[in-house]
PDB file of N, CA and C in Angstrom:
ATOM      1  N   MET A   1     -40.793  15.114 -86.344  1.00  0.00           N
ATOM      2  CA  MET A   1     -39.917  15.930 -87.392  1.00  0.00           C
ATOM      3  C   MET A   1     -38.881  15.023 -87.905  1.00  0.00           C
ATOM      4  N   LEU A   2     -38.097  14.122 -87.049  1.00  0.00           N
ATOM      5  CA  LEU A   2     -37.207  13.270 -87.603  1.00  0.00           C
ATOM      6  C   LEU A   2     -37.714  12.244 -88.612  1.00  0.00           C
ATOM      7  N   SER A   3     -38.967  11.658 -88.373  1.00  0.00           N
ATOM      8  CA  SER A   3     -39.529  10.797 -89.211  1.00  0.00           C
ATOM      9  C   SER A   3     -39.708  11.237 -90.563  1.00  0.00           C
ATOM     10  N   ILE A   4     -40.285  12.595 -90.587  1.00  0.00           N
ATOM     11  CA  ILE A   4     -40.426  13.311 -91.968  1.00  0.00           C
ATOM     12  C   ILE A   4     -39.079  13.404 -92.758  1.00  0.00           C
ATOM     13  N   TRP A   5     -38.135  13.908 -91.881  1.00  0.00           N
ATOM     14  CA  TRP A   5     -36.765  13.973 -92.524  1.00  0.00           C
ATOM     15  C   TRP A   5     -36.209  12.819 -93.151  1.00  0.00           C
ATOM     16  N   ARG A   6     -36.468  11.490 -92.381  1.00  0.00           N
ATOM     17  CA  ARG A   6     -36.049  10.266 -92.874  1.00  0.00           C
ATOM     18  C   ARG A   6     -36.840   9.791 -94.146  1.00  0.00           C
ATOM     19  N   LYS A   7     -38.153  10.361 -94.154  1.00  0.00           N
ATOM     20  CA  LYS A   7     -38.922   9.938 -95.454  1.00  0.00           C
ATOM     21  C   LYS A   7     -38.186  10.767 -96.654  1.00  0.00           C
ATOM     22  N   LEU A   8     -37.933  11.985 -96.424  1.00  0.00           N
ATOM     23  CA  LEU A   8     -37.444  12.873 -97.482  1.00  0.00           C
ATOM     24  C   LEU A   8     -35.967  12.341 -97.819  1.00  0.00           C
ATOM     25  N   PHE A   9     -35.097  11.970 -96.854  1.00  0.00           N
ATOM     26  CA  PHE A   9     -33.722  11.661 -97.085  1.00  0.00           C
ATOM     27  C   PHE A   9     -33.566  10.154 -96.511  1.00  0.00           C
ATOM     28  N   PRO A  10     -33.861   9.009 -97.260  1.00  0.00           N
ATOM     29  CA  PRO A  10     -34.051   7.682 -96.647  1.00  0.00           C
ATOM     30  C   PRO A  10     -32.577   7.266 -96.307  1.00  0.00           C
ATOM     31  N   PHE A  11     -31.449   7.826 -96.657  1.00  0.00           N
ATOM     32  CA  PHE A  11     -30.167   7.412 -96.366  1.00  0.00           C
ATOM     33  C   PHE A  11     -29.882   7.715 -94.744  1.00  0.00           C
ATOM     34  N   LYS A  12     -28.993   6.890 -94.188  1.00  0.00           N
ATOM     35  CA  LYS A  12     -28.644   6.964 -92.802  1.00  0.00           C
ATOM     36  C   LYS A  12     -27.620   8.153 -92.642  1.00  0.00           C
ATOM     37  N   GLN A  13     -27.992   9.215 -91.881  1.00  0.00           N
ATOM     38  CA  GLN A  13     -27.242  10.327 -91.630  1.00  0.00           C
ATOM     39  C   GLN A  13     -26.145   9.945 -90.510  1.00  0.00           C
ATOM     40  N   PHE A  14     -26.580   9.379 -89.533  1.00  0.00           N
ATOM     41  CA  PHE A  14     -25.626   9.086 -88.337  1.00  0.00           C
ATOM     42  C   PHE A  14     -25.724   7.651 -88.164  1.00  0.00           C
ATOM     43  N   PRO A  15     -24.545   6.993 -88.064  1.00  0.00           N
ATOM     44  CA  PRO A  15     -24.544   5.508 -87.746  1.00  0.00           C
ATOM     45  C   PRO A  15     -24.885   5.117 -86.411  1.00  0.00           C
ATOM     46  N   CYS A  16     -25.401   4.031 -86.277  1.00  0.00           N
ATOM     47  CA  CYS A  16     -25.754   3.399 -84.965  1.00  0.00           C
ATOM     48  C   CYS A  16     -24.680   3.255 -84.007  1.00  0.00           C
ATOM     49  N   VAL A  17     -24.927   3.403 -82.835  1.00  0.00           N
ATOM     50  CA  VAL A  17     -23.984   3.155 -81.570  1.00  0.00           C
ATOM     51  C   VAL A  17     -24.445   2.156 -80.718  1.00  0.00           C
ATOM     52  N   CYS A  18     -25.714   1.504 -80.934  1.00  0.00           N
ATOM     53  CA  CYS A  18     -26.300   0.508 -80.209  1.00  0.00           C
ATOM     54  C   CYS A  18     -25.599   0.077 -78.899  1.00  0.00           C
ATOM     55  N   ASN A  19     -25.920   0.903 -77.817  1.00  0.00           N
ATOM     56  CA  ASN A  19     -25.567   0.618 -76.404  1.00  0.00           C
ATOM     57  C   ASN A  19     -24.028   0.360 -76.281  1.00  0.00           C
ATOM     58  N   ALA A  20     -23.233   1.002 -77.177  1.00  0.00           N
ATOM     59  CA  ALA A  20     -21.798   0.836 -77.113  1.00  0.00           C
ATOM     60  C   ALA A  20     -21.351   1.776 -75.840  1.00  0.00           C
ATOM     61  N   LYS A  21     -20.285   1.407 -75.173  1.00  0.00           N
ATOM     62  CA  LYS A  21     -19.901   2.108 -73.973  1.00  0.00           C
ATOM     63  C   LYS A  21     -18.997   3.368 -74.393  1.00  0.00           C
ATOM     64  N   ALA A  22     -19.079   4.369 -73.848  1.00  0.00           N
ATOM     65  CA  ALA A  22     -18.344   5.542 -74.144  1.00  0.00           C
ATOM     66  C   ALA A  22     -16.858   5.353 -73.605  1.00  0.00           C
ATOM     67  N   LYS A  23     -15.884   5.773 -74.267  1.00  0.00           N
ATOM     68  CA  LYS A  23     -14.420   5.625 -73.784  1.00  0.00           C
ATOM     69  C   LYS A  23     -13.648   6.640 -74.622  1.00  0.00           C
ATOM     70  N   SER A  24     -12.398   6.920 -74.137  1.00  0.00           N
ATOM     71  CA  SER A  24     -11.656   7.917 -74.625  1.00  0.00           C
ATOM     72  C   SER A  24     -10.967   7.339 -76.074  1.00  0.00           C
ATOM     73  N   LEU A  25     -10.678   8.155 -76.892  1.00  0.00           N
ATOM     74  CA  LEU A  25     -10.061   7.704 -78.248  1.00  0.00           C
ATOM     75  C   LEU A  25      -8.758   6.811 -78.052  1.00  0.00           C
ATOM     76  N   CYS A  26      -8.138   7.021 -76.998  1.00  0.00           N
ATOM     77  CA  CYS A  26      -6.986   6.273 -76.648  1.00  0.00           C
ATOM     78  C   CYS A  26      -7.388   4.948 -76.299  1.00  0.00           C
ATOM     79  N   GLU A  27      -8.467   4.658 -75.687  1.00  0.00           N
ATOM     80  CA  GLU A  27      -8.930   3.195 -75.273  1.00  0.00           C
ATOM     81  C   GLU A  27      -9.541   2.524 -76.413  1.00  0.00           C
ATOM     82  N   ALA A  28      -9.893   3.105 -77.515  1.00  0.00           N
ATOM     83  CA  ALA A  28     -10.594   2.501 -78.585  1.00  0.00           C
ATOM     84  C   ALA A  28      -9.641   1.662 -79.403  1.00  0.00           C
ATOM     85  N   GLY A  29     -10.029   0.599 -79.961  1.00  0.00           N
ATOM     86  CA  GLY A  29      -9.192  -0.403 -80.731  1.00  0.00           C
ATOM     87  C   GLY A  29      -8.857   0.352 -82.096  1.00  0.00           C
ATOM     88  N   THR A  30      -7.621  -0.022 -82.630  1.00  0.00           N
ATOM     89  CA  THR A  30      -7.366   0.535 -83.886  1.00  0.00           C
ATOM     90  C   THR A  30      -8.194  -0.230 -84.982  1.00  0.00           C
ATOM     91  N   GLY A  31      -8.353   0.368 -86.117  1.00  0.00           N
ATOM     92  CA  GLY A  31      -9.095  -0.095 -87.216  1.00  0.00           C
ATOM     93  C   GLY A  31     -10.609   0.008 -87.043  1.00  0.00           C
ATOM     94  N   ARG A  32     -11.062   0.608 -86.028  1.00  0.00           N
ATOM     95  CA  ARG A  32     -12.445   0.860 -85.609  1.00  0.00           C
ATOM     96  C   ARG A  32     -13.117   2.124 -86.104  1.00  0.00           C
ATOM     97  N   ARG A  33     -14.348   2.085 -86.512  1.00  0.00           N
ATOM     98  CA  ARG A  33     -14.929   3.414 -86.819  1.00  0.00           C
ATOM     99  C   ARG A  33     -15.716   3.771 -85.562  1.00  0.00           C
ATOM    100  N   LEU A  34     -15.576   4.995 -85.104  1.00  0.00           N
ATOM    101  CA  LEU A  34     -16.152   5.553 -83.942  1.00  0.00           C
ATOM    102  C   LEU A  34     -16.980   6.877 -84.171  1.00  0.00           C
ATOM    103  N   ARG A  35     -17.698   7.134 -83.318  1.00  0.00           N
ATOM    104  CA  ARG A  35     -18.536   8.412 -83.352  1.00  0.00           C
ATOM    105  C   ARG A  35     -18.102   9.264 -82.126  1.00  0.00           C
ATOM    106  N   VAL A  36     -17.803  10.440 -82.329  1.00  0.00           N
ATOM    107  CA  VAL A  36     -17.329  11.337 -81.183  1.00  0.00           C
ATOM    108  C   VAL A  36     -18.641  11.714 -80.466  1.00  0.00           C
ATOM    109  N   GLU A  37     -18.621  11.451 -79.134  1.00  0.00           N
ATOM    110  CA  GLU A  37     -19.740  11.702 -78.212  1.00  0.00           C
ATOM    111  C   GLU A  37     -19.557  13.113 -77.672  1.00  0.00           C
ATOM    112  N   CYS A  38     -18.315  13.369 -77.183  1.00  0.00           N
ATOM    113  CA  CYS A  38     -18.139  14.751 -76.508  1.00  0.00           C
ATOM    114  C   CYS A  38     -16.603  14.944 -76.478  1.00  0.00           C
ATOM    115  N   LEU A  39     -16.324  16.121 -76.071  1.00  0.00           N
ATOM    116  CA  LEU A  39     -14.878  16.553 -75.937  1.00  0.00           C
ATOM    117  C   LEU A  39     -14.884  17.117 -74.440  1.00  0.00           C
ATOM    118  N   CYS A  40     -13.945  16.565 -73.669  1.00  0.00           N
ATOM    119  CA  CYS A  40     -13.743  17.128 -72.464  1.00  0.00           C
ATOM    120  C   CYS A  40     -12.361  17.737 -72.101  1.00  0.00           C
ATOM    121  N   GLY A  41     -12.241  18.745 -71.505  1.00  0.00           N
ATOM    122  CA  GLY A  41     -11.024  19.472 -71.523  1.00  0.00           C
ATOM    123  C   GLY A  41     -11.309  20.905 -71.351  1.00  0.00           C
ATOM    124  N   GLU A  42     -10.172  21.602 -71.397  1.00  0.00           N
ATOM    125  CA  GLU A  42     -10.293  23.171 -71.425  1.00  0.00           C
ATOM    126  C   GLU A  42     -10.860  23.713 -72.721  1.00  0.00           C
ATOM    127  N   GLU A  43     -11.579  24.725 -72.626  1.00  0.00           N
ATOM    128  CA  GLU A  43     -12.299  25.318 -73.805  1.00  0.00           C
ATOM    129  C   GLU A  43     -11.517  25.503 -74.909  1.00  0.00           C
ATOM    130  N   HIS A  44     -10.362  26.058 -74.736  1.00  0.00           N
ATOM    131  CA  HIS A  44      -9.421  26.341 -75.936  1.00  0.00           C
ATOM    132  C   HIS A  44      -8.926  25.107 -76.578  1.00  0.00           C
ATOM    133  N   ILE A  45      -8.684  24.007 -75.887  1.00  0.00           N
ATOM    134  CA  ILE A  45      -8.283  22.725 -76.358  1.00  0.00           C
ATOM    135  C   ILE A  45      -9.496  22.069 -77.234  1.00  0.00           C
ATOM    136  N   CYS A  46     -10.731  22.070 -76.613  1.00  0.00           N
ATOM    137  CA  CYS A  46     -11.844  21.411 -77.241  1.00  0.00           C
ATOM    138  C   CYS A  46     -12.112  22.209 -78.598  1.00  0.00           C
ATOM    139  N   HIS A  47     -12.026  23.629 -78.589  1.00  0.00           N
ATOM    140  CA  HIS A  47     -12.195  24.367 -79.768  1.00  0.00           C
ATOM    141  C   HIS A  47     -11.100  24.033 -80.848  1.00  0.00           C
ATOM    142  N   ARG A  48      -9.898  23.754 -80.436  1.00  0.00           N
ATOM    143  CA  ARG A  48      -8.989  23.365 -81.492  1.00  0.00           C
ATOM    144  C   ARG A  48      -9.179  21.992 -82.051  1.00  0.00           C
ATOM    145  N   LEU A  49      -9.699  21.009 -81.233  1.00  0.00           N
ATOM    146  CA  LEU A  49     -10.094  19.842 -81.612  1.00  0.00           C
ATOM    147  C   LEU A  49     -11.116  19.803 -82.624  1.00  0.00           C
ATOM    148  N   ARG A  50     -12.234  20.774 -82.342  1.00  0.00           N
ATOM    149  CA  ARG A  50     -13.314  20.879 -83.321  1.00  0.00           C
ATOM    150  C   ARG A  50     -12.771  21.425 -84.560  1.00  0.00           C
ATOM    151  N   GLU A  51     -11.920  22.370 -84.609  1.00  0.00           N
ATOM    152  CA  GLU A  51     -11.275  22.971 -85.878  1.00  0.00           C
ATOM    153  C   GLU A  51     -10.630  21.745 -86.581  1.00  0.00           C
ATOM    154  N   MET A  52     -10.069  20.855 -85.869  1.00  0.00           N
ATOM    155  CA  MET A  52      -9.388  19.820 -86.644  1.00  0.00           C
ATOM    156  C   MET A  52     -10.328  18.664 -87.047  1.00  0.00           C
ATOM    157  N   GLY A  53     -11.581  18.801 -86.806  1.00  0.00           N
ATOM    158  CA  GLY A  53     -12.602  17.774 -87.339  1.00  0.00           C
ATOM    159  C   GLY A  53     -13.276  16.910 -86.331  1.00  0.00           C
ATOM    160  N   PHE A  54     -12.736  17.031 -85.086  1.00  0.00           N
ATOM    161  CA  PHE A  54     -13.271  16.086 -84.125  1.00  0.00           C
ATOM    162  C   PHE A  54     -14.574  16.844 -83.353  1.00  0.00           C
ATOM    163  N   CYS A  55     -15.494  17.025 -84.090  1.00  0.00           N
ATOM    164  CA  CYS A  55     -16.784  17.679 -83.666  1.00  0.00           C
ATOM    165  C   CYS A  55     -17.652  16.539 -83.025  1.00  0.00           C
ATOM    166  N   GLU A  56     -18.524  16.956 -82.138  1.00  0.00           N
ATOM    167  CA  GLU A  56     -19.572  15.925 -81.672  1.00  0.00           C
ATOM    168  C   GLU A  56     -20.269  15.381 -82.751  1.00  0.00           C
ATOM    169  N   SER A  57     -20.552  14.055 -82.787  1.00  0.00           N
ATOM    170  CA  SER A  57     -21.319  13.349 -83.808  1.00  0.00           C
ATOM    171  C   SER A  57     -20.519  13.021 -85.017  1.00  0.00           C
ATOM    172  N   SER A  58     -19.164  13.447 -85.141  1.00  0.00           N
ATOM    173  CA  SER A  58     -18.338  13.203 -86.294  1.00  0.00           C
ATOM    174  C   SER A  58     -17.871  11.751 -86.125  1.00  0.00           C
ATOM    175  N   VAL A  59     -17.568  11.196 -87.416  1.00  0.00           N
ATOM    176  CA  VAL A  59     -17.096   9.786 -87.307  1.00  0.00           C
ATOM    177  C   VAL A  59     -15.760   9.883 -87.703  1.00  0.00           C
ATOM    178  N   VAL A  60     -15.008   9.111 -86.867  1.00  0.00           N
ATOM    179  CA  VAL A  60     -13.542   8.854 -86.796  1.00  0.00           C
ATOM    180  C   VAL A  60     -13.093   7.438 -86.995  1.00  0.00           C
ATOM    181  N   GLU A  61     -12.061   7.250 -87.801  1.00  0.00           N
ATOM    182  CA  GLU A  61     -11.378   5.892 -87.824  1.00  0.00           C
ATOM    183  C   GLU A  61     -10.020   5.933 -87.244  1.00  0.00           C
ATOM    184  N   LYS A  62      -9.752   5.087 -86.225  1.00  0.00           N
ATOM    185  CA  LYS A  62      -8.575   5.029 -85.503  1.00  0.00           C
ATOM    186  C   LYS A  62      -7.710   4.109 -86.440  1.00  0.00           C
ATOM    187  N   ILE A  63      -6.636   4.663 -86.932  1.00  0.00           N
ATOM    188  CA  ILE A  63      -5.684   3.860 -87.789  1.00  0.00           C
ATOM    189  C   ILE A  63      -4.563   3.141 -87.078  1.00  0.00           C
ATOM    190  N   ALA A  64      -3.897   4.013 -86.381  1.00  0.00           N
ATOM    191  CA  ALA A  64      -2.728   3.485 -85.572  1.00  0.00           C
ATOM    192  C   ALA A  64      -2.556   4.070 -84.352  1.00  0.00           C
ATOM    193  N   ASP A  65      -1.827   3.541 -83.510  1.00  0.00           N
ATOM    194  CA  ASP A  65      -1.803   4.028 -82.104  1.00  0.00           C
ATOM    195  C   ASP A  65      -0.384   3.809 -81.402  1.00  0.00           C
ATOM    196  N   SER A  66       0.597   3.568 -82.307  1.00  0.00           N
ATOM    197  CA  SER A  66       2.011   3.485 -81.700  1.00  0.00           C
ATOM    198  C   SER A  66       2.791   4.821 -81.776  1.00  0.00           C
ATOM    199  N   GLY A  67       3.087   5.277 -80.585  1.00  0.00           N
ATOM    200  CA  GLY A  67       3.627   6.723 -80.511  1.00  0.00           C
ATOM    201  C   GLY A  67       2.534   7.583 -80.544  1.00  0.00           C
ATOM    202  N   SER A  68       2.344   8.443 -81.733  1.00  0.00           N
ATOM    203  CA  SER A  68       1.182   9.323 -81.857  1.00  0.00           C
ATOM    204  C   SER A  68       0.096   8.412 -82.228  1.00  0.00           C
ATOM    205  N   LEU A  69      -1.075   8.826 -81.993  1.00  0.00           N
ATOM    206  CA  LEU A  69      -2.259   8.325 -82.386  1.00  0.00           C
ATOM    207  C   LEU A  69      -2.731   8.828 -83.842  1.00  0.00           C
ATOM    208  N   ILE A  70      -2.904   7.907 -84.805  1.00  0.00           N
ATOM    209  CA  ILE A  70      -3.291   8.489 -86.041  1.00  0.00           C
ATOM    210  C   ILE A  70      -4.797   8.089 -86.426  1.00  0.00           C
ATOM    211  N   CYS A  71      -5.485   9.107 -86.742  1.00  0.00           N
ATOM    212  CA  CYS A  71      -7.054   8.921 -87.100  1.00  0.00           C
ATOM    213  C   CYS A  71      -7.359   9.463 -88.484  1.00  0.00           C
ATOM    214  N   LYS A  72      -8.438   9.076 -89.089  1.00  0.00           N
ATOM    215  CA  LYS A  72      -8.910   9.548 -90.336  1.00  0.00           C
ATOM    216  C   LYS A  72     -10.121  10.215 -89.832  1.00  0.00           C
ATOM    217  N   VAL A  73     -10.309  11.558 -90.078  1.00  0.00           N
ATOM    218  CA  VAL A  73     -11.474  12.336 -89.739  1.00  0.00           C
ATOM    219  C   VAL A  73     -11.697  13.332 -90.843  1.00  0.00           C
ATOM    220  N   CYS A  74     -12.863  13.388 -91.293  1.00  0.00           N
ATOM    221  CA  CYS A  74     -13.275  14.348 -92.463  1.00  0.00           C
ATOM    222  C   CYS A  74     -12.315  14.105 -93.690  1.00  0.00           C
ATOM    223  N   ASP A  75     -12.046  12.894 -94.072  1.00  0.00           N
ATOM    224  CA  ASP A  75     -11.177  12.461 -95.267  1.00  0.00           C
ATOM    225  C   ASP A  75      -9.863  12.855 -95.047  1.00  0.00           C
ATOM    226  N   ALA A  76      -9.320  13.117 -93.903  1.00  0.00           N
ATOM    227  CA  ALA A  76      -7.973  13.333 -93.741  1.00  0.00           C
ATOM    228  C   ALA A  76      -7.310  12.689 -92.590  1.00  0.00           C
ATOM    229  N   LYS A  77      -6.008  12.397 -92.714  1.00  0.00           N
ATOM    230  CA  LYS A  77      -5.267  11.657 -91.642  1.00  0.00           C
ATOM    231  C   LYS A  77      -4.779  12.782 -90.582  1.00  0.00           C
ATOM    232  N   VAL A  78      -5.076  12.552 -89.391  1.00  0.00           N
ATOM    233  CA  VAL A  78      -4.548  13.440 -88.366  1.00  0.00           C
ATOM    234  C   VAL A  78      -3.847  12.804 -87.237  1.00  0.00           C
ATOM    235  N   ALA A  79      -2.607  13.280 -86.885  1.00  0.00           N
ATOM    236  CA  ALA A  79      -1.848  12.691 -85.725  1.00  0.00           C
ATOM    237  C   ALA A  79      -2.158  13.369 -84.505  1.00  0.00           C
ATOM    238  N   LEU A  80      -2.362  12.630 -83.374  1.00  0.00           N
ATOM    239  CA  LEU A  80      -2.616  13.410 -82.087  1.00  0.00           C
ATOM    240  C   LEU A  80      -1.837  12.767 -81.169  1.00  0.00           C
ATOM    241  N   GLY A  81      -1.369  13.521 -80.198  1.00  0.00           N
ATOM    242  CA  GLY A  81      -0.706  13.033 -79.040  1.00  0.00           C
ATOM    243  C   GLY A  81      -1.767  12.268 -78.050  1.00  0.00           C
ATOM    244  N   LYS A  82      -1.347  11.458 -77.258  1.00  0.00           N
ATOM    245  CA  LYS A  82      -2.177  10.655 -76.458  1.00  0.00           C
ATOM    246  C   LYS A  82      -2.986  11.467 -75.454  1.00  0.00           C
ATOM    247  N   ASP A  83      -2.306  12.630 -74.990  1.00  0.00           N
ATOM    248  CA  ASP A  83      -2.885  13.614 -74.026  1.00  0.00           C
ATOM    249  C   ASP A  83      -4.148  14.215 -74.653  1.00  0.00           C
ATOM    250  N   LEU A  84      -4.100  14.639 -75.906  1.00  0.00           N
ATOM    251  CA  LEU A  84      -5.296  15.106 -76.629  1.00  0.00           C
ATOM    252  C   LEU A  84      -6.447  14.143 -76.889  1.00  0.00           C
ATOM    253  N   ALA A  85      -5.852  12.899 -77.255  1.00  0.00           N
ATOM    254  CA  ALA A  85      -6.855  11.951 -77.676  1.00  0.00           C
ATOM    255  C   ALA A  85      -7.566  11.307 -76.375  1.00  0.00           C
ATOM    256  N   GLN A  86      -6.958  11.493 -75.308  1.00  0.00           N
ATOM    257  CA  GLN A  86      -7.634  11.193 -74.070  1.00  0.00           C
ATOM    258  C   GLN A  86      -8.830  12.008 -73.825  1.00  0.00           C
ATOM    259  N   GLN A  87      -8.918  13.309 -74.355  1.00  0.00           N
ATOM    260  CA  GLN A  87     -10.097  14.252 -74.196  1.00  0.00           C
ATOM    261  C   GLN A  87     -11.162  14.060 -75.135  1.00  0.00           C
ATOM    262  N   ILE A  88     -11.086  13.045 -76.116  1.00  0.00           N
ATOM    263  CA  ILE A  88     -12.013  12.854 -77.110  1.00  0.00           C
ATOM    264  C   ILE A  88     -12.760  11.493 -76.660  1.00  0.00           C
ATOM    265  N   ILE A  89     -14.097  11.705 -76.412  1.00  0.00           N
ATOM    266  CA  ILE A  89     -14.879  10.484 -75.925  1.00  0.00           C
ATOM    267  C   ILE A  89     -15.650  10.000 -77.152  1.00  0.00           C
ATOM    268  N   VAL A  90     -15.589   8.802 -77.361  1.00  0.00           N
ATOM    269  CA  VAL A  90     -16.065   8.116 -78.549  1.00  0.00           C
ATOM    270  C   VAL A  90     -16.960   6.865 -78.124  1.00  0.00           C
ATOM    271  N   LYS A  91     -17.679   6.526 -79.181  1.00  0.00           N
ATOM    272  CA  LYS A  91     -18.470   5.244 -79.002  1.00  0.00           C
ATOM    273  C   LYS A  91     -18.217   4.376 -80.268  1.00  0.00           C
ATOM    274  N   ASP A  92     -18.065   3.061 -80.217  1.00  0.00           N
ATOM    275  CA  ASP A  92     -17.894   2.294 -81.425  1.00  0.00           C
ATOM    276  C   ASP A  92     -19.249   2.429 -82.317  1.00  0.00           C
ATOM    277  N   ILE A  93     -19.039   2.372 -83.604  1.00  0.00           N
ATOM    278  CA  ILE A  93     -20.162   2.238 -84.507  1.00  0.00           C
ATOM    279  C   ILE A  93     -20.424   0.805 -84.734  1.00  0.00           C
ATOM    280  N   CYS A  94     -21.713   0.475 -84.448  1.00  0.00           N
ATOM    281  CA  CYS A  94     -22.007  -0.964 -84.634  1.00  0.00           C
ATOM    282  C   CYS A  94     -22.346  -1.296 -86.218  1.00  0.00           C
ATOM    283  N   PRO A  95     -22.227  -2.578 -86.625  1.00  0.00           N
ATOM    284  CA  PRO A  95     -22.438  -2.876 -87.977  1.00  0.00           C
ATOM    285  C   PRO A  95     -23.927  -2.918 -88.520  1.00  0.00           C
ATOM    286  N   CYS A  96     -24.785  -2.568 -87.521  1.00  0.00           N
ATOM    287  CA  CYS A  96     -26.322  -2.805 -87.787  1.00  0.00           C
ATOM    288  C   CYS A  96     -26.913  -1.609 -88.463  1.00  0.00           C
ATOM    289  N   GLN A  97     -26.069  -0.727 -89.281  1.00  0.00           N
ATOM    290  CA  GLN A  97     -26.563   0.271 -89.897  1.00  0.00           C
ATOM    291  C   GLN A  97     -27.835  -0.037 -90.707  1.00  0.00           C
ATOM    292  N   GLY A  98     -28.807   0.764 -90.892  1.00  0.00           N
ATOM    293  CA  GLY A  98     -29.818   0.411 -91.747  1.00  0.00           C
ATOM    294  C   GLY A  98     -31.069  -0.493 -90.973  1.00  0.00           C
ATOM    295  N   HIS A  99     -30.778  -0.765 -89.732  1.00  0.00           N
ATOM    296  CA  HIS A  99     -31.743  -1.639 -88.952  1.00  0.00           C
ATOM    297  C   HIS A  99     -32.694  -0.660 -88.122  1.00  0.00           C
ATOM    298  N   GLY A 100     -32.825   0.730 -88.293  1.00  0.00           N
ATOM    299  CA  GLY A 100     -33.783   1.435 -87.514  1.00  0.00           C
ATOM    300  C   GLY A 100     -33.077   2.008 -86.338  1.00  0.00           C
ATOM    301  N   HIS A 101     -31.909   1.889 -86.200  1.00  0.00           N
ATOM    302  CA  HIS A 101     -31.299   2.465 -84.981  1.00  0.00           C
ATOM    303  C   HIS A 101     -30.782   3.809 -85.312  1.00  0.00           C
ATOM    304  N   VAL A 102     -30.599   4.561 -84.376  1.00  0.00           N
ATOM    305  CA  VAL A 102     -30.059   5.914 -84.528  1.00  0.00           C
ATOM    306  C   VAL A 102     -28.870   6.201 -83.739  1.00  0.00           C
TER     307      VAL A 102
END
């Protein structure tokens, strides 16, 4: 099914994460593009993070990390406290997009 979808839509829907290690958004470096793997925490907090755009498989760019953590998600800049950022588990997106990785 996925191969048929790729033939119909040859662009890359999800960037590659090539064996990148999962870490919290706090632990990720600034200036990095990341993919959200999962949210861990109480259900109402995870629900609010999803409303803010931090859904599983969404792409996030970590912009700054002094004081509040600033990210770009869904073409909007969002400031988060480190306590919330700790609950967002991400992986680095590798530069090998377009090489057959998913």
